[in-house]
Amino acid sequence: MSQESILGELREIMIDVFDVDDLEITRATTAEDVEEWDSLSHVRLVVAVERKFGFKFKNSEIEGLKTVGDLADVIAAKTA
């Protein structure tokens, strides 16, 4: 999958999880940039990504996520 298509899928997932219809994300987007992104919604986001892409994150992978780009990179590596 290309980074562009992964970001598109992530945007759709995040719109659903955060319930924000006009959400714009980039690789540099962090939890600080999205008002609705709290610890509970973070867990919901991780679960939704795992379901969508059909894999499970390792705890170390989740802990290393700082930006949407980091998340996209892990998805790309796991779906390659």
PDB file of N, CA and C in Angstrom:
ATOM      1  N   MET A   1       0.830  -1.187   0.000  1.00  0.00           N
ATOM      2  CA  MET A   1       0.000   0.000   0.000  1.00  0.00           C
ATOM      3  C   MET A   1       0.873   1.248   0.000  1.00  0.00           C
ATOM      4  N   SER A   2       0.442   2.248  -0.713  1.00  0.00           N
ATOM      5  CA  SER A   2       1.193   3.500  -0.737  1.00  0.00           C
ATOM      6  C   SER A   2       0.897   4.307   0.529  1.00  0.00           C
ATOM      7  N   GLN A   3       1.810   5.208   0.852  1.00  0.00           N
ATOM      8  CA  GLN A   3       1.601   6.080   2.015  1.00  0.00           C
ATOM      9  C   GLN A   3       0.332   6.906   1.848  1.00  0.00           C
ATOM     10  N   GLU A   4       0.081   7.342   0.628  1.00  0.00           N
ATOM     11  CA  GLU A   4      -1.115   8.151   0.361  1.00  0.00           C
ATOM     12  C   GLU A   4      -2.393   7.364   0.646  1.00  0.00           C
ATOM     13  N   SER A   5      -2.434   6.109   0.215  1.00  0.00           N
ATOM     14  CA  SER A   5      -3.641   5.312   0.459  1.00  0.00           C
ATOM     15  C   SER A   5      -3.779   4.959   1.941  1.00  0.00           C
ATOM     16  N   ILE A   6      -2.664   4.717   2.609  1.00  0.00           N
ATOM     17  CA  ILE A   6      -2.712   4.454   4.053  1.00  0.00           C
ATOM     18  C   ILE A   6      -3.231   5.682   4.791  1.00  0.00           C
ATOM     19  N   LEU A   7      -2.730   6.864   4.437  1.00  0.00           N
ATOM     20  CA  LEU A   7      -3.210   8.088   5.087  1.00  0.00           C
ATOM     21  C   LEU A   7      -4.694   8.305   4.822  1.00  0.00           C
ATOM     22  N   GLY A   8      -5.162   7.981   3.638  1.00  0.00           N
ATOM     23  CA  GLY A   8      -6.584   8.090   3.330  1.00  0.00           C
ATOM     24  C   GLY A   8      -7.422   7.163   4.198  1.00  0.00           C
ATOM     25  N   GLU A   9      -6.946   5.916   4.343  1.00  0.00           N
ATOM     26  CA  GLU A   9      -7.650   4.959   5.209  1.00  0.00           C
ATOM     27  C   GLU A   9      -7.629   5.424   6.664  1.00  0.00           C
ATOM     28  N   LEU A  10      -6.476   5.928   7.108  1.00  0.00           N
ATOM     29  CA  LEU A  10      -6.376   6.422   8.488  1.00  0.00           C
ATOM     30  C   LEU A  10      -7.313   7.598   8.716  1.00  0.00           C
ATOM     31  N   ARG A  11      -7.422   8.480   7.749  1.00  0.00           N
ATOM     32  CA  ARG A  11      -8.319   9.622   7.882  1.00  0.00           C
ATOM     33  C   ARG A  11      -9.753   9.142   8.082  1.00  0.00           C
ATOM     34  N   GLU A  12     -10.178   8.166   7.296  1.00  0.00           N
ATOM     35  CA  GLU A  12     -11.538   7.640   7.431  1.00  0.00           C
ATOM     36  C   GLU A  12     -11.757   6.994   8.802  1.00  0.00           C
ATOM     37  N   ILE A  13     -10.770   6.240   9.257  1.00  0.00           N
ATOM     38  CA  ILE A  13     -10.862   5.609  10.579  1.00  0.00           C
ATOM     39  C   ILE A  13     -10.931   6.675  11.663  1.00  0.00           C
ATOM     40  N   MET A  14     -10.085   7.686  11.555  1.00  0.00           N
ATOM     41  CA  MET A  14     -10.026   8.734  12.572  1.00  0.00           C
ATOM     42  C   MET A  14     -11.307   9.560  12.585  1.00  0.00           C
ATOM     43  N   ILE A  15     -11.890   9.817  11.432  1.00  0.00           N
ATOM     44  CA  ILE A  15     -13.169  10.533  11.374  1.00  0.00           C
ATOM     45  C   ILE A  15     -14.215   9.761  12.163  1.00  0.00           C
ATOM     46  N   ASP A  16     -14.223   8.443  11.996  1.00  0.00           N
ATOM     47  CA  ASP A  16     -15.185   7.607  12.707  1.00  0.00           C
ATOM     48  C   ASP A  16     -14.889   7.560  14.208  1.00  0.00           C
ATOM     49  N   VAL A  17     -13.640   7.328  14.575  1.00  0.00           N
ATOM     50  CA  VAL A  17     -13.262   7.193  15.987  1.00  0.00           C
ATOM     51  C   VAL A  17     -13.441   8.506  16.747  1.00  0.00           C
ATOM     52  N   PHE A  18     -13.005   9.610  16.145  1.00  0.00           N
ATOM     53  CA  PHE A  18     -13.053  10.902  16.837  1.00  0.00           C
ATOM     54  C   PHE A  18     -14.361  11.645  16.596  1.00  0.00           C
ATOM     55  N   ASP A  19     -15.185  11.153  15.673  1.00  0.00           N
ATOM     56  CA  ASP A  19     -16.468  11.766  15.330  1.00  0.00           C
ATOM     57  C   ASP A  19     -16.301  13.224  14.907  1.00  0.00           C
ATOM     58  N   VAL A  20     -15.336  13.441  13.993  1.00  0.00           N
ATOM     59  CA  VAL A  20     -15.060  14.768  13.441  1.00  0.00           C
ATOM     60  C   VAL A  20     -15.121  14.646  11.921  1.00  0.00           C
ATOM     61  N   ASP A  21     -16.166  15.222  11.321  1.00  0.00           N
ATOM     62  CA  ASP A  21     -16.391  15.048   9.890  1.00  0.00           C
ATOM     63  C   ASP A  21     -15.365  15.742   8.994  1.00  0.00           C
ATOM     64  N   ASP A  22     -14.825  16.860   9.434  1.00  0.00           N
ATOM     65  CA  ASP A  22     -13.919  17.635   8.583  1.00  0.00           C
ATOM     66  C   ASP A  22     -12.453  17.503   9.017  1.00  0.00           C
ATOM     67  N   LEU A  23     -12.099  16.363   9.542  1.00  0.00           N
ATOM     68  CA  LEU A  23     -10.748  16.133  10.050  1.00  0.00           C
ATOM     69  C   LEU A  23      -9.731  16.099   8.911  1.00  0.00           C
ATOM     70  N   GLU A  24      -8.714  16.902   9.032  1.00  0.00           N
ATOM     71  CA  GLU A  24      -7.601  16.895   8.080  1.00  0.00           C
ATOM     72  C   GLU A  24      -6.360  16.402   8.818  1.00  0.00           C
ATOM     73  N   ILE A  25      -5.696  15.432   8.234  1.00  0.00           N
ATOM     74  CA  ILE A  25      -4.482  14.911   8.862  1.00  0.00           C
ATOM     75  C   ILE A  25      -3.320  14.965   7.877  1.00  0.00           C
ATOM     76  N   THR A  26      -2.128  15.008   8.435  1.00  0.00           N
ATOM     77  CA  THR A  26      -0.890  14.884   7.666  1.00  0.00           C
ATOM     78  C   THR A  26      -0.015  13.883   8.409  1.00  0.00           C
ATOM     79  N   ARG A  27       1.126  13.593   7.851  1.00  0.00           N
ATOM     80  CA  ARG A  27       2.060  12.694   8.533  1.00  0.00           C
ATOM     81  C   ARG A  27       2.522  13.293   9.857  1.00  0.00           C
ATOM     82  N   ALA A  28       2.482  14.608   9.985  1.00  0.00           N
ATOM     83  CA  ALA A  28       2.972  15.283  11.194  1.00  0.00           C
ATOM     84  C   ALA A  28       1.892  15.450  12.261  1.00  0.00           C
ATOM     85  N   THR A  29       0.654  15.074  11.973  1.00  0.00           N
ATOM     86  CA  THR A  29      -0.433  15.230  12.936  1.00  0.00           C
ATOM     87  C   THR A  29      -0.166  14.399  14.192  1.00  0.00           C
ATOM     88  N   THR A  30      -0.409  15.024  15.351  1.00  0.00           N
ATOM     89  CA  THR A  30      -0.252  14.332  16.637  1.00  0.00           C
ATOM     90  C   THR A  30      -1.554  14.441  17.422  1.00  0.00           C
ATOM     91  N   ALA A  31      -1.610  13.773  18.558  1.00  0.00           N
ATOM     92  CA  ALA A  31      -2.777  13.844  19.431  1.00  0.00           C
ATOM     93  C   ALA A  31      -3.020  15.277  19.899  1.00  0.00           C
ATOM     94  N   GLU A  32      -1.977  16.063  20.005  1.00  0.00           N
ATOM     95  CA  GLU A  32      -2.104  17.465  20.414  1.00  0.00           C
ATOM     96  C   GLU A  32      -2.903  18.286  19.397  1.00  0.00           C
ATOM     97  N   ASP A  33      -2.905  17.835  18.135  1.00  0.00           N
ATOM     98  CA  ASP A  33      -3.563  18.581  17.061  1.00  0.00           C
ATOM     99  C   ASP A  33      -5.050  18.293  16.941  1.00  0.00           C
ATOM    100  N   VAL A  34      -5.520  17.229  17.594  1.00  0.00           N
ATOM    101  CA  VAL A  34      -6.919  16.818  17.476  1.00  0.00           C
ATOM    102  C   VAL A  34      -7.546  16.855  18.871  1.00  0.00           C
ATOM    103  N   GLU A  35      -8.439  17.789  19.070  1.00  0.00           N
ATOM    104  CA  GLU A  35      -9.024  18.004  20.396  1.00  0.00           C
ATOM    105  C   GLU A  35      -9.663  16.737  20.965  1.00  0.00           C
ATOM    106  N   GLU A  36     -10.284  15.934  20.113  1.00  0.00           N
ATOM    107  CA  GLU A  36     -10.998  14.744  20.559  1.00  0.00           C
ATOM    108  C   GLU A  36     -10.078  13.543  20.824  1.00  0.00           C
ATOM    109  N   TRP A  37      -8.788  13.675  20.567  1.00  0.00           N
ATOM    110  CA  TRP A  37      -7.847  12.563  20.697  1.00  0.00           C
ATOM    111  C   TRP A  37      -7.345  12.489  22.131  1.00  0.00           C
ATOM    112  N   ASP A  38      -8.026  11.674  22.935  1.00  0.00           N
ATOM    113  CA  ASP A  38      -7.605  11.453  24.318  1.00  0.00           C
ATOM    114  C   ASP A  38      -7.179   9.994  24.479  1.00  0.00           C
ATOM    115  N   SER A  39      -6.903   9.569  25.690  1.00  0.00           N
ATOM    116  CA  SER A  39      -6.382   8.215  25.896  1.00  0.00           C
ATOM    117  C   SER A  39      -7.387   7.138  25.495  1.00  0.00           C
ATOM    118  N   LEU A  40      -8.651   7.352  25.778  1.00  0.00           N
ATOM    119  CA  LEU A  40      -9.667   6.369  25.409  1.00  0.00           C
ATOM    120  C   LEU A  40      -9.825   6.295  23.890  1.00  0.00           C
ATOM    121  N   SER A  41      -9.875   7.438  23.239  1.00  0.00           N
ATOM    122  CA  SER A  41     -10.010   7.416  21.787  1.00  0.00           C
ATOM    123  C   SER A  41      -8.752   6.869  21.130  1.00  0.00           C
ATOM    124  N   HIS A  42      -7.606   7.005  21.782  1.00  0.00           N
ATOM    125  CA  HIS A  42      -6.369   6.426  21.252  1.00  0.00           C
ATOM    126  C   HIS A  42      -6.484   4.893  21.216  1.00  0.00           C
ATOM    127  N   VAL A  43      -7.000   4.318  22.286  1.00  0.00           N
ATOM    128  CA  VAL A  43      -7.201   2.864  22.333  1.00  0.00           C
ATOM    129  C   VAL A  43      -8.190   2.447  21.239  1.00  0.00           C
ATOM    130  N   ARG A  44      -9.267   3.205  21.099  1.00  0.00           N
ATOM    131  CA  ARG A  44     -10.257   2.899  20.061  1.00  0.00           C
ATOM    132  C   ARG A  44      -9.640   3.008  18.672  1.00  0.00           C
ATOM    133  N   LEU A  45      -8.757   3.984  18.464  1.00  0.00           N
ATOM    134  CA  LEU A  45      -8.073   4.145  17.187  1.00  0.00           C
ATOM    135  C   LEU A  45      -7.183   2.943  16.887  1.00  0.00           C
ATOM    136  N   VAL A  46      -6.415   2.511  17.861  1.00  0.00           N
ATOM    137  CA  VAL A  46      -5.526   1.357  17.679  1.00  0.00           C
ATOM    138  C   VAL A  46      -6.342   0.111  17.319  1.00  0.00           C
ATOM    139  N   VAL A  47      -7.422  -0.127  18.035  1.00  0.00           N
ATOM    140  CA  VAL A  47      -8.274  -1.294  17.766  1.00  0.00           C
ATOM    141  C   VAL A  47      -8.885  -1.202  16.367  1.00  0.00           C
ATOM    142  N   ALA A  48      -9.348  -0.019  15.993  1.00  0.00           N
ATOM    143  CA  ALA A  48      -9.954   0.164  14.669  1.00  0.00           C
ATOM    144  C   ALA A  48      -8.935  -0.070  13.554  1.00  0.00           C
ATOM    145  N   VAL A  49      -7.709   0.393  13.754  1.00  0.00           N
ATOM    146  CA  VAL A  49      -6.652   0.175  12.752  1.00  0.00           C
ATOM    147  C   VAL A  49      -6.329  -1.310  12.656  1.00  0.00           C
ATOM    148  N   GLU A  50      -6.222  -1.982  13.790  1.00  0.00           N
ATOM    149  CA  GLU A  50      -5.947  -3.421  13.781  1.00  0.00           C
ATOM    150  C   GLU A  50      -7.032  -4.181  13.026  1.00  0.00           C
ATOM    151  N   ARG A  51      -8.276  -3.825  13.258  1.00  0.00           N
ATOM    152  CA  ARG A  51      -9.390  -4.499  12.574  1.00  0.00           C
ATOM    153  C   ARG A  51      -9.358  -4.224  11.076  1.00  0.00           C
ATOM    154  N   LYS A  52      -9.136  -2.970  10.699  1.00  0.00           N
ATOM    155  CA  LYS A  52      -9.164  -2.583   9.289  1.00  0.00           C
ATOM    156  C   LYS A  52      -8.059  -3.276   8.497  1.00  0.00           C
ATOM    157  N   PHE A  53      -6.861  -3.321   9.061  1.00  0.00           N
ATOM    158  CA  PHE A  53      -5.714  -3.830   8.329  1.00  0.00           C
ATOM    159  C   PHE A  53      -5.393  -5.294   8.638  1.00  0.00           C
ATOM    160  N   GLY A  54      -6.069  -5.883   9.616  1.00  0.00           N
ATOM    161  CA  GLY A  54      -5.943  -7.307   9.876  1.00  0.00           C
ATOM    162  C   GLY A  54      -4.665  -7.752  10.558  1.00  0.00           C
ATOM    163  N   PHE A  55      -4.163  -6.977  11.501  1.00  0.00           N
ATOM    164  CA  PHE A  55      -2.983  -7.368  12.276  1.00  0.00           C
ATOM    165  C   PHE A  55      -3.100  -6.802  13.678  1.00  0.00           C
ATOM    166  N   LYS A  56      -2.205  -7.240  14.555  1.00  0.00           N
ATOM    167  CA  LYS A  56      -2.138  -6.732  15.929  1.00  0.00           C
ATOM    168  C   LYS A  56      -0.822  -5.982  16.113  1.00  0.00           C
ATOM    169  N   PHE A  57      -0.897  -4.862  16.801  1.00  0.00           N
ATOM    170  CA  PHE A  57       0.312  -4.118  17.156  1.00  0.00           C
ATOM    171  C   PHE A  57       0.984  -4.779  18.348  1.00  0.00           C
ATOM    172  N   LYS A  58       2.302  -4.691  18.402  1.00  0.00           N
ATOM    173  CA  LYS A  58       3.044  -5.043  19.605  1.00  0.00           C
ATOM    174  C   LYS A  58       3.005  -3.821  20.520  1.00  0.00           C
ATOM    175  N   ASN A  59       3.101  -4.047  21.819  1.00  0.00           N
ATOM    176  CA  ASN A  59       3.104  -2.926  22.764  1.00  0.00           C
ATOM    177  C   ASN A  59       4.207  -1.924  22.442  1.00  0.00           C
ATOM    178  N   SER A  60       5.375  -2.419  22.077  1.00  0.00           N
ATOM    179  CA  SER A  60       6.495  -1.524  21.767  1.00  0.00           C
ATOM    180  C   SER A  60       6.196  -0.656  20.553  1.00  0.00           C
ATOM    181  N   GLU A  61       5.441  -1.192  19.589  1.00  0.00           N
ATOM    182  CA  GLU A  61       5.065  -0.398  18.418  1.00  0.00           C
ATOM    183  C   GLU A  61       4.115   0.727  18.816  1.00  0.00           C
ATOM    184  N   ILE A  62       3.151   0.417  19.664  1.00  0.00           N
ATOM    185  CA  ILE A  62       2.180   1.422  20.106  1.00  0.00           C
ATOM    186  C   ILE A  62       2.884   2.527  20.890  1.00  0.00           C
ATOM    187  N   GLU A  63       3.799   2.135  21.760  1.00  0.00           N
ATOM    188  CA  GLU A  63       4.519   3.110  22.578  1.00  0.00           C
ATOM    189  C   GLU A  63       5.383   4.035  21.732  1.00  0.00           C
ATOM    190  N   GLY A  64       5.831   3.570  20.571  1.00  0.00           N
ATOM    191  CA  GLY A  64       6.694   4.363  19.706  1.00  0.00           C
ATOM    192  C   GLY A  64       5.955   5.315  18.787  1.00  0.00           C
ATOM    193  N   LEU A  65       4.632   5.272  18.801  1.00  0.00           N
ATOM    194  CA  LEU A  65       3.845   6.119  17.907  1.00  0.00           C
ATOM    195  C   LEU A  65       3.741   7.533  18.461  1.00  0.00           C
ATOM    196  N   LYS A  66       4.243   8.489  17.713  1.00  0.00           N
ATOM    197  CA  LYS A  66       4.156   9.895  18.119  1.00  0.00           C
ATOM    198  C   LYS A  66       3.334  10.720  17.130  1.00  0.00           C
ATOM    199  N   THR A  67       3.332  10.309  15.861  1.00  0.00           N
ATOM    200  CA  THR A  67       2.619  11.048  14.816  1.00  0.00           C
ATOM    201  C   THR A  67       1.808  10.087  13.958  1.00  0.00           C
ATOM    202  N   VAL A  68       0.915  10.648  13.163  1.00  0.00           N
ATOM    203  CA  VAL A  68       0.166   9.837  12.213  1.00  0.00           C
ATOM    204  C   VAL A  68       1.133   9.194  11.217  1.00  0.00           C
ATOM    205  N   GLY A  69       2.203   9.872  10.880  1.00  0.00           N
ATOM    206  CA  GLY A  69       3.219   9.313   9.988  1.00  0.00           C
ATOM    207  C   GLY A  69       3.868   8.068  10.568  1.00  0.00           C
ATOM    208  N   ASP A  70       4.138   8.086  11.874  1.00  0.00           N
ATOM    209  CA  ASP A  70       4.688   6.897  12.541  1.00  0.00           C
ATOM    210  C   ASP A  70       3.714   5.729  12.414  1.00  0.00           C
ATOM    211  N   LEU A  71       2.437   6.017  12.614  1.00  0.00           N
ATOM    212  CA  LEU A  71       1.410   4.989  12.504  1.00  0.00           C
ATOM    213  C   LEU A  71       1.349   4.455  11.073  1.00  0.00           C
ATOM    214  N   ALA A  72       1.396   5.345  10.099  1.00  0.00           N
ATOM    215  CA  ALA A  72       1.368   4.937   8.691  1.00  0.00           C
ATOM    216  C   ALA A  72       2.573   4.068   8.354  1.00  0.00           C
ATOM    217  N   ASP A  73       3.736   4.391   8.899  1.00  0.00           N
ATOM    218  CA  ASP A  73       4.951   3.605   8.644  1.00  0.00           C
ATOM    219  C   ASP A  73       4.821   2.189   9.190  1.00  0.00           C
ATOM    220  N   VAL A  74       4.264   2.051  10.385  1.00  0.00           N
ATOM    221  CA  VAL A  74       4.074   0.724  10.973  1.00  0.00           C
ATOM    222  C   VAL A  74       3.068  -0.070  10.144  1.00  0.00           C
ATOM    223  N   ILE A  75       1.998   0.568   9.724  1.00  0.00           N
ATOM    224  CA  ILE A  75       1.005  -0.105   8.889  1.00  0.00           C
ATOM    225  C   ILE A  75       1.646  -0.569   7.579  1.00  0.00           C
ATOM    226  N   ALA A  76       2.434   0.298   6.954  1.00  0.00           N
ATOM    227  CA  ALA A  76       3.095  -0.050   5.695  1.00  0.00           C
ATOM    228  C   ALA A  76       4.019  -1.257   5.873  1.00  0.00           C
ATOM    229  N   ALA A  77       4.759  -1.273   6.977  1.00  0.00           N
ATOM    230  CA  ALA A  77       5.681  -2.379   7.233  1.00  0.00           C
ATOM    231  C   ALA A  77       4.920  -3.686   7.480  1.00  0.00           C
ATOM    232  N   LYS A  78       3.802  -3.607   8.178  1.00  0.00           N
ATOM    233  CA  LYS A  78       3.044  -4.806   8.523  1.00  0.00           C
ATOM    234  C   LYS A  78       2.201  -5.332   7.358  1.00  0.00           C
ATOM    235  N   THR A  79       1.893  -4.480   6.395  1.00  0.00           N
ATOM    236  CA  THR A  79       1.053  -4.918   5.284  1.00  0.00           C
ATOM    237  C   THR A  79       1.860  -5.139   4.000  1.00  0.00           C
ATOM    238  N   ALA A  80       3.177  -5.006   4.096  1.00  0.00           N
ATOM    239  CA  ALA A  80       4.030  -5.182   2.903  1.00  0.00           C
ATOM    240  C   ALA A  80       4.125  -6.646   2.502  1.00  0.00           C
TER     241      ALA A  80
END
